[in-house]
Each structure stands twice: as structure tokens, then as C-alpha cells.
Amino acid sequence: MQNIDLICVGKLNAKYFAEGVAEYQKRLAAFASFRIIELPEEKIEEKNASDAVVKKALEKEGKAILSNVRKGAAIVALCIEGKQISSEELARFLADRAGSGAGDVAFVIGSSHGLAEEVKRAAALKFSMGRITMPHQLARLVLTEQLYRACTINAGMKYHK
């Protein structure tokens, strides 16, 4: 069974997001070993922090992210400059990984400041959910649904229309 990890910086603190993510996490169990790893966001005290302060925080988060990636897993970095892909393309990516014998995948959602350059450089795929801005908690819910959708596409199920 394919291992799919979702590494997130920050916690889900809204009940409705947590319930939605939990539902898709439960559904994904039929297709993959899916786990969510929550890492703490680095605190930045200053409201108008300098780029250097933000970069230092991102680097600390990046080290924590990379240390939680399974050995040999393909990293998928969710970032604004990433490629927009369809549900079918996501399904194909997961199927290709699973078929290659090195099926583990780690999707990464950074903090409100984004992702460290080191994480982006390590990514096999940089993925954008579009040009809109959304809270990271909502992005986590949308991504878990899309992972479930991709798995149902690969299984030939009717969930995807």
C-alpha cells in the first residue's frame, strides 16, 4: 500500500475544517497509508518583520519539514509558484509513483509565510491550488479531498465525474 503523508506547519483550530479533513482521512485509508504530521509554526513576534527574520523562521520550519519526510518519498510542495494540475493529473502522479516501486509521497503545506527555499528545491513537484488565496486550514481540507478523489480515479470508482 502506498504511503502518503501530509506534512503541515500549523494546527487545525476550526472544528469544521478538522471534521472535513478527518472524513477524507478515514476514506483514504481504503487506498493508502495516509498520515498527517503537524509541525509548529515558528513564532515571529514583530508585526512587520524583516525579510531576514521571516527567512530565518522559514529555514527552521524547512529543516523540521525535511526531517519528517520518509526516506525516498517524493516531496510535493504546495506553493503559489507551483504548477496548477487537474485531479486527473494528480491521480496520474500518484499512480506513477506507486508503479515505480518508490511510491511514498509527502505533500507539504507551509506556514502563513510560505515554504523555505530548501523544501521547494527538494520537491519532485511544486503544486499550486490556483491563483486564489485561501487559509492554510482550508487548503489542507481541499488537498485531502483531492487526494481521495485521485485515489478513486485510480481505482475506477464513480466518485469523480
N, C-alpha and C. Protein backbone atom coordinates (compact mmCIF):
# COMPACT_ATOMS: atom_id res chain seq x y z
N MET A 1 0.84 -1.18 0.00
CA MET A 1 0.00 0.00 0.00
C MET A 1 0.90 1.25 0.00
N GLN A 2 0.52 2.21 -0.78
CA GLN A 2 1.29 3.45 -0.92
C GLN A 2 1.20 4.28 0.37
N ASN A 3 2.33 4.85 0.77
CA ASN A 3 2.36 5.78 1.90
C ASN A 3 2.22 7.20 1.37
N ILE A 4 1.22 7.90 1.86
CA ILE A 4 1.02 9.30 1.51
C ILE A 4 0.99 10.09 2.81
N ASP A 5 1.92 11.01 2.94
CA ASP A 5 1.99 11.87 4.12
C ASP A 5 1.59 13.28 3.75
N LEU A 6 0.95 13.95 4.68
CA LEU A 6 0.65 15.37 4.54
C LEU A 6 1.35 16.05 5.71
N ILE A 7 2.39 16.79 5.40
CA ILE A 7 3.17 17.49 6.41
C ILE A 7 2.72 18.95 6.39
N CYS A 8 2.20 19.40 7.53
CA CYS A 8 1.62 20.74 7.62
C CYS A 8 2.28 21.53 8.73
N VAL A 9 2.53 22.79 8.46
CA VAL A 9 3.01 23.68 9.51
C VAL A 9 1.78 24.40 10.06
N GLY A 10 1.53 24.21 11.33
CA GLY A 10 0.37 24.80 11.98
C GLY A 10 -0.70 23.76 12.24
N LYS A 11 -1.63 24.12 13.11
CA LYS A 11 -2.70 23.21 13.53
C LYS A 11 -4.04 23.62 12.92
N LEU A 12 -4.93 22.64 12.87
CA LEU A 12 -6.32 22.93 12.50
C LEU A 12 -7.02 23.36 13.78
N ASN A 13 -7.48 24.60 13.84
CA ASN A 13 -8.15 25.04 15.05
C ASN A 13 -9.62 25.34 14.85
N ALA A 14 -10.13 25.11 13.65
CA ALA A 14 -11.56 25.26 13.39
C ALA A 14 -12.17 23.86 13.29
N LYS A 15 -13.19 23.61 14.08
CA LYS A 15 -13.81 22.29 14.15
C LYS A 15 -14.29 21.80 12.79
N TYR A 16 -14.89 22.69 12.01
CA TYR A 16 -15.44 22.27 10.71
C TYR A 16 -14.35 21.86 9.74
N PHE A 17 -13.17 22.48 9.77
CA PHE A 17 -12.07 22.02 8.92
C PHE A 17 -11.57 20.67 9.41
N ALA A 18 -11.41 20.54 10.72
CA ALA A 18 -10.91 19.29 11.31
C ALA A 18 -11.84 18.12 10.98
N GLU A 19 -13.15 18.35 11.05
CA GLU A 19 -14.11 17.29 10.75
C GLU A 19 -14.04 16.88 9.28
N GLY A 20 -13.91 17.85 8.40
CA GLY A 20 -13.79 17.54 6.97
C GLY A 20 -12.53 16.77 6.65
N VAL A 21 -11.41 17.21 7.21
CA VAL A 21 -10.13 16.52 6.99
C VAL A 21 -10.22 15.09 7.54
N ALA A 22 -10.80 14.94 8.73
CA ALA A 22 -10.92 13.61 9.35
C ALA A 22 -11.75 12.67 8.47
N GLU A 23 -12.81 13.20 7.86
CA GLU A 23 -13.65 12.38 6.99
C GLU A 23 -12.85 11.85 5.79
N TYR A 24 -12.12 12.73 5.13
CA TYR A 24 -11.34 12.29 3.96
C TYR A 24 -10.15 11.42 4.38
N GLN A 25 -9.59 11.69 5.54
CA GLN A 25 -8.51 10.84 6.05
C GLN A 25 -9.03 9.42 6.26
N LYS A 26 -10.24 9.29 6.80
CA LYS A 26 -10.87 7.98 7.01
C LYS A 26 -11.09 7.28 5.67
N ARG A 27 -11.62 8.02 4.69
CA ARG A 27 -11.88 7.45 3.37
C ARG A 27 -10.59 7.02 2.67
N LEU A 28 -9.53 7.81 2.85
CA LEU A 28 -8.25 7.50 2.19
C LEU A 28 -7.63 6.19 2.70
N ALA A 29 -7.99 5.78 3.90
CA ALA A 29 -7.42 4.56 4.48
C ALA A 29 -7.67 3.33 3.62
N ALA A 30 -8.71 3.35 2.79
CA ALA A 30 -9.00 2.22 1.91
C ALA A 30 -8.02 2.12 0.75
N PHE A 31 -7.31 3.21 0.47
CA PHE A 31 -6.44 3.26 -0.71
C PHE A 31 -4.96 3.40 -0.40
N ALA A 32 -4.64 3.99 0.73
CA ALA A 32 -3.24 4.29 1.04
C ALA A 32 -3.06 4.37 2.55
N SER A 33 -1.82 4.25 2.95
CA SER A 33 -1.49 4.53 4.34
C SER A 33 -1.27 6.04 4.41
N PHE A 34 -2.25 6.75 4.95
CA PHE A 34 -2.25 8.21 4.94
C PHE A 34 -2.08 8.73 6.35
N ARG A 35 -1.13 9.61 6.52
CA ARG A 35 -0.96 10.22 7.84
C ARG A 35 -0.73 11.72 7.68
N ILE A 36 -1.12 12.44 8.71
CA ILE A 36 -0.92 13.88 8.76
C ILE A 36 0.07 14.18 9.87
N ILE A 37 1.09 14.93 9.53
CA ILE A 37 2.10 15.34 10.50
C ILE A 37 1.99 16.86 10.66
N GLU A 38 1.65 17.29 11.86
CA GLU A 38 1.55 18.72 12.14
C GLU A 38 2.81 19.20 12.84
N LEU A 39 3.40 20.24 12.30
CA LEU A 39 4.60 20.83 12.89
C LEU A 39 4.28 22.24 13.37
N PRO A 40 4.94 22.68 14.42
CA PRO A 40 4.66 24.03 14.92
C PRO A 40 5.17 25.12 13.99
N GLU A 41 4.40 26.19 13.91
CA GLU A 41 4.83 27.36 13.15
C GLU A 41 5.80 28.15 14.01
N GLU A 42 6.89 28.60 13.42
CA GLU A 42 7.85 29.44 14.13
C GLU A 42 7.20 30.77 14.46
N LYS A 43 7.34 31.18 15.67
CA LYS A 43 6.74 32.45 16.11
C LYS A 43 7.59 33.62 15.62
N ILE A 44 6.91 34.58 15.04
CA ILE A 44 7.56 35.83 14.64
C ILE A 44 6.85 36.93 15.42
N GLU A 45 7.57 37.51 16.36
CA GLU A 45 6.98 38.48 17.28
C GLU A 45 6.61 39.80 16.61
N GLU A 46 7.47 40.26 15.71
CA GLU A 46 7.27 41.58 15.11
C GLU A 46 6.17 41.53 14.05
N LYS A 47 5.27 42.50 14.07
CA LYS A 47 4.19 42.54 13.07
C LYS A 47 4.75 42.77 11.66
N ASN A 48 5.67 43.69 11.54
CA ASN A 48 6.27 43.99 10.24
C ASN A 48 7.70 43.47 10.20
N ALA A 49 7.82 42.16 10.38
CA ALA A 49 9.14 41.53 10.45
C ALA A 49 9.89 41.71 9.13
N SER A 50 11.19 41.83 9.25
CA SER A 50 12.04 41.97 8.06
C SER A 50 12.07 40.66 7.28
N ASP A 51 12.48 40.76 6.03
CA ASP A 51 12.60 39.56 5.20
C ASP A 51 13.58 38.57 5.82
N ALA A 52 14.63 39.09 6.45
CA ALA A 52 15.64 38.22 7.08
C ALA A 52 15.04 37.42 8.24
N VAL A 53 14.19 38.06 9.05
CA VAL A 53 13.54 37.38 10.18
C VAL A 53 12.60 36.29 9.66
N VAL A 54 11.82 36.62 8.62
CA VAL A 54 10.90 35.64 8.03
C VAL A 54 11.69 34.48 7.42
N LYS A 55 12.77 34.80 6.72
CA LYS A 55 13.59 33.76 6.09
C LYS A 55 14.16 32.80 7.14
N LYS A 56 14.61 33.35 8.26
CA LYS A 56 15.17 32.51 9.32
C LYS A 56 14.10 31.58 9.89
N ALA A 57 12.87 32.10 10.08
CA ALA A 57 11.76 31.28 10.57
C ALA A 57 11.43 30.17 9.56
N LEU A 58 11.39 30.53 8.28
CA LEU A 58 11.10 29.54 7.24
C LEU A 58 12.17 28.47 7.18
N GLU A 59 13.43 28.85 7.38
CA GLU A 59 14.51 27.86 7.36
C GLU A 59 14.36 26.86 8.50
N LYS A 60 13.96 27.34 9.69
CA LYS A 60 13.73 26.42 10.82
C LYS A 60 12.57 25.48 10.51
N GLU A 61 11.50 26.03 9.96
CA GLU A 61 10.36 25.19 9.58
C GLU A 61 10.77 24.19 8.50
N GLY A 62 11.58 24.65 7.55
CA GLY A 62 12.03 23.78 6.46
C GLY A 62 12.83 22.60 6.96
N LYS A 63 13.71 22.83 7.91
CA LYS A 63 14.50 21.72 8.50
C LYS A 63 13.57 20.70 9.16
N ALA A 64 12.57 21.20 9.89
CA ALA A 64 11.62 20.31 10.55
C ALA A 64 10.81 19.51 9.52
N ILE A 65 10.41 20.18 8.45
CA ILE A 65 9.65 19.50 7.38
C ILE A 65 10.49 18.39 6.78
N LEU A 66 11.70 18.73 6.35
CA LEU A 66 12.55 17.74 5.66
C LEU A 66 12.92 16.58 6.58
N SER A 67 13.04 16.82 7.88
CA SER A 67 13.38 15.73 8.79
C SER A 67 12.20 14.78 9.01
N ASN A 68 10.99 15.19 8.60
CA ASN A 68 9.81 14.34 8.74
C ASN A 68 9.39 13.65 7.45
N VAL A 69 10.14 13.85 6.37
CA VAL A 69 9.85 13.18 5.10
C VAL A 69 10.44 11.77 5.16
N ARG A 70 9.64 10.77 4.80
CA ARG A 70 10.13 9.39 4.75
C ARG A 70 11.26 9.28 3.74
N LYS A 71 12.22 8.45 4.05
CA LYS A 71 13.36 8.24 3.14
C LYS A 71 12.83 7.74 1.79
N GLY A 72 13.23 8.42 0.72
CA GLY A 72 12.84 8.04 -0.63
C GLY A 72 11.51 8.59 -1.10
N ALA A 73 10.79 9.30 -0.23
CA ALA A 73 9.48 9.84 -0.62
C ALA A 73 9.66 11.03 -1.55
N ALA A 74 8.76 11.14 -2.51
CA ALA A 74 8.73 12.30 -3.39
C ALA A 74 8.02 13.43 -2.63
N ILE A 75 8.65 14.58 -2.60
CA ILE A 75 8.06 15.74 -1.93
C ILE A 75 7.24 16.52 -2.95
N VAL A 76 6.02 16.88 -2.54
CA VAL A 76 5.16 17.76 -3.33
C VAL A 76 4.94 19.01 -2.49
N ALA A 77 5.52 20.10 -2.93
CA ALA A 77 5.44 21.37 -2.20
C ALA A 77 4.26 22.18 -2.72
N LEU A 78 3.34 22.51 -1.85
CA LEU A 78 2.24 23.39 -2.24
C LEU A 78 2.73 24.82 -2.10
N CYS A 79 2.82 25.49 -3.23
CA CYS A 79 3.34 26.86 -3.23
C CYS A 79 2.73 27.62 -4.41
N ILE A 80 2.66 28.92 -4.24
CA ILE A 80 1.98 29.76 -5.22
C ILE A 80 2.63 29.70 -6.60
N GLU A 81 3.95 29.51 -6.63
CA GLU A 81 4.62 29.47 -7.93
C GLU A 81 4.60 28.08 -8.56
N GLY A 82 3.91 27.14 -7.90
CA GLY A 82 3.82 25.79 -8.42
C GLY A 82 2.92 25.69 -9.63
N LYS A 83 2.90 24.50 -10.19
CA LYS A 83 2.10 24.20 -11.38
C LYS A 83 0.66 23.88 -10.96
N GLN A 84 -0.29 24.41 -11.69
CA GLN A 84 -1.68 24.05 -11.47
C GLN A 84 -1.95 22.76 -12.24
N ILE A 85 -2.48 21.76 -11.53
CA ILE A 85 -2.76 20.48 -12.18
C ILE A 85 -4.21 20.08 -11.93
N SER A 86 -4.71 19.24 -12.79
CA SER A 86 -6.09 18.74 -12.66
C SER A 86 -6.12 17.55 -11.70
N SER A 87 -7.32 17.17 -11.32
CA SER A 87 -7.50 15.99 -10.47
C SER A 87 -6.95 14.74 -11.15
N GLU A 88 -7.17 14.65 -12.47
CA GLU A 88 -6.66 13.50 -13.23
C GLU A 88 -5.13 13.48 -13.26
N GLU A 89 -4.53 14.65 -13.37
CA GLU A 89 -3.05 14.72 -13.36
C GLU A 89 -2.50 14.34 -11.99
N LEU A 90 -3.18 14.74 -10.93
CA LEU A 90 -2.76 14.34 -9.59
C LEU A 90 -2.88 12.83 -9.44
N ALA A 91 -3.97 12.26 -9.95
CA ALA A 91 -4.15 10.81 -9.90
C ALA A 91 -3.02 10.10 -10.65
N ARG A 92 -2.68 10.62 -11.82
CA ARG A 92 -1.60 10.02 -12.62
C ARG A 92 -0.27 10.11 -11.87
N PHE A 93 0.01 11.24 -11.23
CA PHE A 93 1.25 11.40 -10.46
C PHE A 93 1.32 10.33 -9.36
N LEU A 94 0.22 10.16 -8.61
CA LEU A 94 0.22 9.15 -7.54
C LEU A 94 0.37 7.74 -8.11
N ALA A 95 -0.32 7.46 -9.22
CA ALA A 95 -0.22 6.14 -9.84
C ALA A 95 1.19 5.88 -10.36
N ASP A 96 1.81 6.88 -10.97
CA ASP A 96 3.18 6.72 -11.47
C ASP A 96 4.14 6.44 -10.33
N ARG A 97 3.97 7.15 -9.22
CA ARG A 97 4.82 6.93 -8.04
C ARG A 97 4.62 5.51 -7.51
N ALA A 98 3.37 5.11 -7.40
CA ALA A 98 3.07 3.77 -6.87
C ALA A 98 3.63 2.69 -7.78
N GLY A 99 3.53 2.90 -9.09
CA GLY A 99 4.01 1.92 -10.06
C GLY A 99 5.51 1.87 -10.18
N SER A 100 6.20 2.90 -9.73
CA SER A 100 7.66 2.95 -9.87
C SER A 100 8.36 2.12 -8.81
N GLY A 101 7.61 1.64 -7.81
CA GLY A 101 8.24 0.90 -6.73
C GLY A 101 8.72 1.82 -5.61
N ALA A 102 8.75 3.11 -5.87
CA ALA A 102 9.12 4.10 -4.85
C ALA A 102 7.90 5.00 -4.65
N GLY A 103 6.85 4.41 -4.12
CA GLY A 103 5.55 5.07 -4.13
C GLY A 103 5.30 6.12 -3.08
N ASP A 104 6.16 6.23 -2.07
CA ASP A 104 5.89 7.17 -0.99
C ASP A 104 5.89 8.60 -1.48
N VAL A 105 4.91 9.37 -0.99
CA VAL A 105 4.77 10.78 -1.37
C VAL A 105 4.51 11.58 -0.11
N ALA A 106 5.15 12.74 -0.02
CA ALA A 106 4.93 13.67 1.10
C ALA A 106 4.48 15.01 0.54
N PHE A 107 3.23 15.35 0.79
CA PHE A 107 2.71 16.66 0.41
C PHE A 107 3.02 17.62 1.55
N VAL A 108 3.42 18.83 1.22
CA VAL A 108 3.84 19.78 2.24
C VAL A 108 3.07 21.10 2.09
N ILE A 109 2.44 21.51 3.20
CA ILE A 109 1.79 22.82 3.27
C ILE A 109 2.56 23.61 4.32
N GLY A 110 3.13 24.73 3.93
CA GLY A 110 3.94 25.54 4.84
C GLY A 110 3.09 26.42 5.73
N SER A 111 3.77 27.32 6.40
CA SER A 111 3.11 28.26 7.30
C SER A 111 2.51 29.42 6.51
N SER A 112 1.98 30.38 7.23
CA SER A 112 1.39 31.56 6.58
C SER A 112 2.43 32.37 5.81
N HIS A 113 3.71 32.13 6.11
CA HIS A 113 4.79 32.82 5.40
C HIS A 113 5.29 32.04 4.19
N GLY A 114 4.75 30.84 3.99
CA GLY A 114 5.15 30.04 2.83
C GLY A 114 6.05 28.88 3.21
N LEU A 115 6.91 28.53 2.26
CA LEU A 115 7.84 27.40 2.43
C LEU A 115 9.27 27.86 2.23
N ALA A 116 10.18 27.23 2.94
CA ALA A 116 11.61 27.50 2.77
C ALA A 116 12.05 27.10 1.37
N GLU A 117 12.97 27.86 0.83
CA GLU A 117 13.52 27.54 -0.50
C GLU A 117 14.10 26.13 -0.53
N GLU A 118 14.68 25.69 0.56
CA GLU A 118 15.28 24.35 0.65
C GLU A 118 14.22 23.27 0.40
N VAL A 119 13.01 23.46 0.92
CA VAL A 119 11.93 22.50 0.70
C VAL A 119 11.49 22.52 -0.76
N LYS A 120 11.37 23.71 -1.31
CA LYS A 120 10.96 23.84 -2.72
C LYS A 120 11.99 23.18 -3.64
N ARG A 121 13.27 23.37 -3.33
CA ARG A 121 14.32 22.74 -4.16
C ARG A 121 14.28 21.22 -4.09
N ALA A 122 13.88 20.69 -2.94
CA ALA A 122 13.85 19.23 -2.74
C ALA A 122 12.60 18.60 -3.36
N ALA A 123 11.65 19.42 -3.77
CA ALA A 123 10.36 18.91 -4.25
C ALA A 123 10.46 18.29 -5.64
N ALA A 124 9.81 17.14 -5.79
CA ALA A 124 9.67 16.50 -7.11
C ALA A 124 8.62 17.23 -7.92
N LEU A 125 7.68 17.86 -7.22
CA LEU A 125 6.60 18.61 -7.87
C LEU A 125 6.27 19.81 -7.00
N LYS A 126 6.18 20.97 -7.64
CA LYS A 126 5.66 22.16 -6.97
C LYS A 126 4.25 22.35 -7.51
N PHE A 127 3.30 22.38 -6.60
CA PHE A 127 1.88 22.30 -6.94
C PHE A 127 1.16 23.52 -6.38
N SER A 128 0.36 24.16 -7.20
CA SER A 128 -0.45 25.30 -6.78
C SER A 128 -1.92 24.94 -6.92
N MET A 129 -2.71 25.32 -5.94
CA MET A 129 -4.15 25.08 -6.00
C MET A 129 -4.86 26.19 -6.77
N GLY A 130 -4.11 27.05 -7.37
CA GLY A 130 -4.71 28.11 -8.17
C GLY A 130 -4.21 29.47 -7.74
N ARG A 131 -4.73 30.48 -8.38
CA ARG A 131 -4.26 31.82 -8.13
C ARG A 131 -4.98 32.51 -6.99
N ILE A 132 -6.00 31.85 -6.44
CA ILE A 132 -6.71 32.43 -5.31
C ILE A 132 -5.90 32.25 -4.02
N THR A 133 -6.18 33.06 -3.04
CA THR A 133 -5.56 32.91 -1.73
C THR A 133 -6.58 32.28 -0.81
N MET A 134 -6.16 31.28 -0.05
CA MET A 134 -7.07 30.65 0.91
C MET A 134 -6.32 30.36 2.19
N PRO A 135 -7.03 30.26 3.30
CA PRO A 135 -6.38 29.91 4.56
C PRO A 135 -5.74 28.52 4.44
N HIS A 136 -4.63 28.33 5.13
CA HIS A 136 -3.93 27.05 5.04
C HIS A 136 -4.77 25.90 5.57
N GLN A 137 -5.66 26.19 6.52
CA GLN A 137 -6.55 25.15 7.02
C GLN A 137 -7.51 24.67 5.93
N LEU A 138 -8.01 25.60 5.14
CA LEU A 138 -8.89 25.24 4.02
C LEU A 138 -8.09 24.50 2.95
N ALA A 139 -6.86 24.92 2.71
CA ALA A 139 -6.01 24.23 1.75
C ALA A 139 -5.81 22.76 2.16
N ARG A 140 -5.66 22.53 3.45
CA ARG A 140 -5.50 21.15 3.93
C ARG A 140 -6.74 20.33 3.63
N LEU A 141 -7.92 20.90 3.86
CA LEU A 141 -9.16 20.20 3.57
C LEU A 141 -9.30 19.93 2.07
N VAL A 142 -9.05 20.93 1.25
CA VAL A 142 -9.16 20.77 -0.20
C VAL A 142 -8.16 19.70 -0.68
N LEU A 143 -6.94 19.74 -0.17
CA LEU A 143 -5.94 18.76 -0.60
C LEU A 143 -6.33 17.34 -0.19
N THR A 144 -6.83 17.14 1.03
CA THR A 144 -7.21 15.78 1.42
C THR A 144 -8.36 15.27 0.55
N GLU A 145 -9.30 16.16 0.20
CA GLU A 145 -10.37 15.74 -0.71
C GLU A 145 -9.80 15.38 -2.07
N GLN A 146 -8.86 16.16 -2.57
CA GLN A 146 -8.28 15.89 -3.89
C GLN A 146 -7.45 14.60 -3.88
N LEU A 147 -6.80 14.30 -2.78
CA LEU A 147 -6.07 13.03 -2.68
C LEU A 147 -7.05 11.86 -2.70
N TYR A 148 -8.16 12.00 -1.98
CA TYR A 148 -9.20 10.97 -2.03
C TYR A 148 -9.74 10.83 -3.45
N ARG A 149 -10.02 11.95 -4.08
CA ARG A 149 -10.54 11.93 -5.46
C ARG A 149 -9.54 11.23 -6.38
N ALA A 150 -8.25 11.55 -6.25
CA ALA A 150 -7.22 10.93 -7.10
C ALA A 150 -7.20 9.42 -6.90
N CYS A 151 -7.33 8.99 -5.66
CA CYS A 151 -7.34 7.55 -5.39
C CYS A 151 -8.56 6.87 -5.99
N THR A 152 -9.71 7.54 -5.94
CA THR A 152 -10.91 6.94 -6.54
C THR A 152 -10.81 6.91 -8.07
N ILE A 153 -10.17 7.92 -8.64
CA ILE A 153 -9.94 7.91 -10.10
C ILE A 153 -9.08 6.70 -10.46
N ASN A 154 -8.00 6.51 -9.71
CA ASN A 154 -7.09 5.39 -9.99
C ASN A 154 -7.76 4.03 -9.77
N ALA A 155 -8.74 3.98 -8.88
CA ALA A 155 -9.47 2.73 -8.61
C ALA A 155 -10.64 2.53 -9.56
N GLY A 156 -10.90 3.50 -10.43
CA GLY A 156 -12.00 3.38 -11.38
C GLY A 156 -13.38 3.56 -10.76
N MET A 157 -13.44 4.25 -9.64
CA MET A 157 -14.71 4.46 -8.95
C MET A 157 -15.46 5.65 -9.54
N LYS A 158 -16.75 5.75 -9.22
CA LYS A 158 -17.59 6.79 -9.81
C LYS A 158 -17.61 8.10 -9.03
N TYR A 159 -16.84 8.22 -7.95
CA TYR A 159 -16.83 9.46 -7.16
C TYR A 159 -16.50 10.66 -8.03
N HIS A 160 -15.54 10.51 -8.91
CA HIS A 160 -15.10 11.61 -9.80
C HIS A 160 -16.00 11.65 -11.02
N LYS A 161 -16.51 12.84 -11.32
CA LYS A 161 -17.38 12.96 -12.51
C LYS A 161 -16.74 13.84 -13.55
